[in-house]
Amino acid sequence: MDGVGAPFPAVPGRGRCTELLSGGGYGRIAVTEQALPVIVPANYCLPGDGELLIATGSRTGLVHRARDVVITFETGGMDAAG
C-alpha cells in the first residue's frame, strides 16, 4: 500500500448481498444530471428471484433520470423516521 488511502473492501458475493438486503427498508439512489449528483431516498424490497424492487416518490423524477445511465443504490444508516 502506498499510504494514500485504505484499500477497497472485498465485494460480497450475490448470496451475501441478498442476505443483507432481504429485510427490505430504506435506501438511496444516486444518478447524475448535467454532471451533478442527484440523490433521492427510496423504499426497497426483494420480492424473489434476485430482483430488487425500488419505490420512490413521483416528484423525484427518478424514472426519467435513471434511463440509460448507471445508477448507484445504497442502503444502511436510515430508518422510517428518516
C-alpha atoms as a PDB file:
ATOM      1  CA  MET A   1       0.000   0.000   0.000  1.00  0.00           C
ATOM      2  CA  ASP A   2       1.327   3.442  -0.885  1.00  0.00           C
ATOM      3  CA  GLY A   3      -0.131   5.256   2.133  1.00  0.00           C
ATOM      4  CA  VAL A   4      -2.611   7.271   0.039  1.00  0.00           C
ATOM      5  CA  GLY A   5      -5.703   5.525   1.371  1.00  0.00           C
ATOM      6  CA  ALA A   6      -7.197   2.307   2.583  1.00  0.00           C
ATOM      7  CA  PRO A   7      -7.744  -0.486   0.058  1.00  0.00           C
ATOM      8  CA  PHE A   8     -11.269  -1.119  -1.185  1.00  0.00           C
ATOM      9  CA  PRO A   9     -13.184  -3.648   0.928  1.00  0.00           C
ATOM     10  CA  ALA A  10     -13.901  -7.036  -0.593  1.00  0.00           C
ATOM     11  CA  VAL A  11     -17.107  -7.139  -2.624  1.00  0.00           C
ATOM     12  CA  PRO A  12     -19.575  -9.612  -1.073  1.00  0.00           C
ATOM     13  CA  GLY A  13     -20.969 -12.362  -3.251  1.00  0.00           C
ATOM     14  CA  ARG A  14     -24.540 -12.450  -4.530  1.00  0.00           C
ATOM     15  CA  GLY A  15     -25.744 -14.632  -1.648  1.00  0.00           C
ATOM     16  CA  ARG A  16     -24.353 -12.287   0.993  1.00  0.00           C
ATOM     17  CA  CYS A  17     -25.786  -9.235  -0.793  1.00  0.00           C
ATOM     18  CA  THR A  18     -29.209 -10.874  -0.917  1.00  0.00           C
ATOM     19  CA  GLU A  19     -28.940 -11.696   2.777  1.00  0.00           C
ATOM     20  CA  LEU A  20     -28.003  -8.116   3.669  1.00  0.00           C
ATOM     21  CA  LEU A  21     -30.833  -6.620   1.599  1.00  0.00           C
ATOM     22  CA  SER A  22     -33.513  -9.230   2.338  1.00  0.00           C
ATOM     23  CA  GLY A  23     -35.113  -7.301   5.178  1.00  0.00           C
ATOM     24  CA  GLY A  24     -36.134  -4.507   2.856  1.00  0.00           C
ATOM     25  CA  GLY A  25     -36.260  -0.975   4.092  1.00  0.00           C
ATOM     26  CA  TYR A  26     -34.890   2.355   3.064  1.00  0.00           C
ATOM     27  CA  GLY A  27     -32.042   3.317   0.801  1.00  0.00           C
ATOM     28  CA  ARG A  28     -30.774   5.987  -1.534  1.00  0.00           C
ATOM     29  CA  ILE A  29     -30.388   6.063  -5.296  1.00  0.00           C
ATOM     30  CA  ALA A  30     -27.807   8.285  -6.944  1.00  0.00           C
ATOM     31  CA  VAL A  31     -27.679   9.332 -10.594  1.00  0.00           C
ATOM     32  CA  THR A  32     -26.025  12.231 -12.342  1.00  0.00           C
ATOM     33  CA  GLU A  33     -27.768  15.051 -14.130  1.00  0.00           C
ATOM     34  CA  GLN A  34     -25.680  17.507 -16.133  1.00  0.00           C
ATOM     35  CA  ALA A  35     -22.576  16.121 -14.372  1.00  0.00           C
ATOM     36  CA  LEU A  36     -24.011  16.807 -10.894  1.00  0.00           C
ATOM     37  CA  PRO A  37     -25.132  14.132  -8.418  1.00  0.00           C
ATOM     38  CA  VAL A  38     -28.836  13.678  -7.692  1.00  0.00           C
ATOM     39  CA  ILE A  39     -29.544  11.515  -4.637  1.00  0.00           C
ATOM     40  CA  VAL A  40     -33.088  10.530  -3.667  1.00  0.00           C
ATOM     41  CA  PRO A  41     -34.469   8.339  -0.870  1.00  0.00           C
ATOM     42  CA  ALA A  42     -36.203   5.127  -1.875  1.00  0.00           C
ATOM     43  CA  ASN A  43     -38.047   2.226  -0.279  1.00  0.00           C
ATOM     44  CA  TYR A  44     -36.999  -1.197  -1.468  1.00  0.00           C
ATOM     45  CA  CYS A  45     -37.697  -4.898  -1.100  1.00  0.00           C
ATOM     46  CA  LEU A  46     -36.533  -8.183  -2.608  1.00  0.00           C
ATOM     47  CA  PRO A  47     -39.671  -9.985  -3.805  1.00  0.00           C
ATOM     48  CA  GLY A  48     -37.706 -13.021  -5.018  1.00  0.00           C
ATOM     49  CA  ASP A  49     -35.600 -14.415  -7.845  1.00  0.00           C
ATOM     50  CA  GLY A  50     -32.817 -11.902  -7.184  1.00  0.00           C
ATOM     51  CA  GLU A  51     -34.954  -8.894  -8.098  1.00  0.00           C
ATOM     52  CA  LEU A  52     -34.586  -5.593  -6.287  1.00  0.00           C
ATOM     53  CA  LEU A  53     -37.836  -3.609  -6.293  1.00  0.00           C
ATOM     54  CA  ILE A  54     -37.367   0.118  -5.657  1.00  0.00           C
ATOM     55  CA  ALA A  55     -40.121   2.635  -4.925  1.00  0.00           C
ATOM     56  CA  THR A  56     -39.712   6.377  -4.635  1.00  0.00           C
ATOM     57  CA  GLY A  57     -41.912   9.454  -4.762  1.00  0.00           C
ATOM     58  CA  SER A  58     -43.400  10.518  -8.092  1.00  0.00           C
ATOM     59  CA  ARG A  59     -41.996  14.020  -7.739  1.00  0.00           C
ATOM     60  CA  THR A  60     -38.368  12.883  -7.658  1.00  0.00           C
ATOM     61  CA  GLY A  61     -38.259  12.356 -11.431  1.00  0.00           C
ATOM     62  CA  LEU A  62     -36.167   9.247 -10.832  1.00  0.00           C
ATOM     63  CA  VAL A  63     -37.666   7.230 -13.686  1.00  0.00           C
ATOM     64  CA  HIS A  64     -36.726   9.963 -16.146  1.00  0.00           C
ATOM     65  CA  ARG A  65     -33.241  10.494 -14.670  1.00  0.00           C
ATOM     66  CA  ALA A  66     -32.373   6.799 -14.430  1.00  0.00           C
ATOM     67  CA  ARG A  67     -32.990   5.866 -18.067  1.00  0.00           C
ATOM     68  CA  ASP A  68     -29.922   4.602 -19.925  1.00  0.00           C
ATOM     69  CA  VAL A  69     -27.473   5.674 -17.211  1.00  0.00           C
ATOM     70  CA  VAL A  70     -25.539   3.965 -14.457  1.00  0.00           C
ATOM     71  CA  ILE A  71     -27.232   4.315 -11.078  1.00  0.00           C
ATOM     72  CA  THR A  72     -25.958   3.643  -7.582  1.00  0.00           C
ATOM     73  CA  PHE A  73     -28.082   2.146  -4.827  1.00  0.00           C
ATOM     74  CA  GLU A  74     -27.066   2.367  -1.174  1.00  0.00           C
ATOM     75  CA  THR A  75     -28.756   1.269   1.995  1.00  0.00           C
ATOM     76  CA  GLY A  76     -27.974   1.488   5.687  1.00  0.00           C
ATOM     77  CA  GLY A  77     -27.992   4.131   8.355  1.00  0.00           C
ATOM     78  CA  MET A  78     -31.563   5.215   7.660  1.00  0.00           C
ATOM     79  CA  ASP A  79     -34.893   4.266   9.198  1.00  0.00           C
ATOM     80  CA  ALA A  80     -38.593   5.019   8.679  1.00  0.00           C
ATOM     81  CA  ALA A  81     -38.254   8.264  10.626  1.00  0.00           C
ATOM     82  CA  GLY A  82     -35.596   9.477   8.185  1.00  0.00           C
END
